[in-house]
Amino acid sequence: MLRWALIFLVVALVAAVLGFGGIAGASAEIAKILFFVFLVLFVVSLVVNMVRGRAP
């Protein structure tokens, strides 16, 4: 998920340099959404692992 966010960020930066504002904006928004989804899933994973703990 984080990999896709980074790919869309690079696409947005390249599009912005080349002057494609619409594509750059859309790619940046997709990258931002994917990053926040990744962040939420990461936090949920940490909480679940802390609650479940290790089995003896």
C-alpha atoms as a PDB file:
ATOM      1  CA  MET A   1       0.000   0.000   0.000  1.00  0.00           C
ATOM      2  CA  LEU A   2       2.803   2.367   0.890  1.00  0.00           C
ATOM      3  CA  ARG A   3       4.529   1.405  -2.346  1.00  0.00           C
ATOM      4  CA  TRP A   4       1.483   2.486  -4.369  1.00  0.00           C
ATOM      5  CA  ALA A   5       1.330   5.779  -2.478  1.00  0.00           C
ATOM      6  CA  LEU A   6       4.966   6.462  -3.357  1.00  0.00           C
ATOM      7  CA  ILE A   7       4.369   5.543  -7.010  1.00  0.00           C
ATOM      8  CA  PHE A   8       1.447   7.976  -7.260  1.00  0.00           C
ATOM      9  CA  LEU A   9       3.538  10.648  -5.534  1.00  0.00           C
ATOM     10  CA  VAL A  10       6.298  10.242  -8.122  1.00  0.00           C
ATOM     11  CA  VAL A  11       3.733  10.349 -10.938  1.00  0.00           C
ATOM     12  CA  ALA A  12       2.318  13.565  -9.459  1.00  0.00           C
ATOM     13  CA  LEU A  13       5.755  15.159  -9.225  1.00  0.00           C
ATOM     14  CA  VAL A  14       6.679  14.230 -12.804  1.00  0.00           C
ATOM     15  CA  ALA A  15       3.323  15.464 -14.106  1.00  0.00           C
ATOM     16  CA  ALA A  16       3.732  18.737 -12.203  1.00  0.00           C
ATOM     17  CA  VAL A  17       7.200  19.293 -13.663  1.00  0.00           C
ATOM     18  CA  LEU A  18       5.875  18.649 -17.171  1.00  0.00           C
ATOM     19  CA  GLY A  19       2.941  21.025 -16.644  1.00  0.00           C
ATOM     20  CA  PHE A  20       0.047  18.582 -16.429  1.00  0.00           C
ATOM     21  CA  GLY A  21      -1.762  20.171 -13.501  1.00  0.00           C
ATOM     22  CA  GLY A  22      -4.903  18.045 -13.570  1.00  0.00           C
ATOM     23  CA  ILE A  23      -3.039  14.758 -13.610  1.00  0.00           C
ATOM     24  CA  ALA A  24      -0.627  16.001 -10.949  1.00  0.00           C
ATOM     25  CA  GLY A  25      -3.463  17.029  -8.644  1.00  0.00           C
ATOM     26  CA  ALA A  26      -5.346  13.778  -9.087  1.00  0.00           C
ATOM     27  CA  SER A  27      -2.235  11.679  -8.517  1.00  0.00           C
ATOM     28  CA  ALA A  28      -1.351  13.662  -5.419  1.00  0.00           C
ATOM     29  CA  GLU A  29      -4.847  13.139  -3.995  1.00  0.00           C
ATOM     30  CA  ILE A  30      -4.691   9.405  -4.671  1.00  0.00           C
ATOM     31  CA  ALA A  31      -1.259   9.228  -3.041  1.00  0.00           C
ATOM     32  CA  LYS A  32      -2.558  11.091   0.009  1.00  0.00           C
ATOM     33  CA  ILE A  33      -5.572   8.799   0.369  1.00  0.00           C
ATOM     34  CA  LEU A  34      -3.447   5.666   0.012  1.00  0.00           C
ATOM     35  CA  PHE A  35      -0.963   6.966   2.578  1.00  0.00           C
ATOM     36  CA  PHE A  36      -3.689   7.592   5.150  1.00  0.00           C
ATOM     37  CA  VAL A  37      -5.245   4.175   4.504  1.00  0.00           C
ATOM     38  CA  PHE A  38      -1.810   2.629   5.043  1.00  0.00           C
ATOM     39  CA  LEU A  39      -1.364   4.636   8.239  1.00  0.00           C
ATOM     40  CA  VAL A  40      -4.755   3.541   9.636  1.00  0.00           C
ATOM     41  CA  LEU A  41      -4.092  -0.115   8.811  1.00  0.00           C
ATOM     42  CA  PHE A  42      -0.652   0.113  10.424  1.00  0.00           C
ATOM     43  CA  VAL A  43      -2.072   1.567  13.650  1.00  0.00           C
ATOM     44  CA  VAL A  44      -4.842  -1.048  13.745  1.00  0.00           C
ATOM     45  CA  SER A  45      -2.238  -3.771  13.284  1.00  0.00           C
ATOM     46  CA  LEU A  46      -0.146  -2.389  16.151  1.00  0.00           C
ATOM     47  CA  VAL A  47      -3.154  -2.198  18.480  1.00  0.00           C
ATOM     48  CA  VAL A  48      -4.279  -5.736  17.643  1.00  0.00           C
ATOM     49  CA  ASN A  49      -0.783  -7.086  18.283  1.00  0.00           C
ATOM     50  CA  MET A  50      -0.565  -5.264  21.622  1.00  0.00           C
ATOM     51  CA  VAL A  51      -3.976  -6.524  22.768  1.00  0.00           C
ATOM     52  CA  ARG A  52      -3.424 -10.083  21.654  1.00  0.00           C
ATOM     53  CA  GLY A  53       0.090 -10.299  23.071  1.00  0.00           C
ATOM     54  CA  ARG A  54       2.356 -13.315  22.921  1.00  0.00           C
ATOM     55  CA  ALA A  55       1.263 -16.828  23.708  1.00  0.00           C
ATOM     56  CA  PRO A  56       3.348 -18.530  26.414  1.00  0.00           C
END
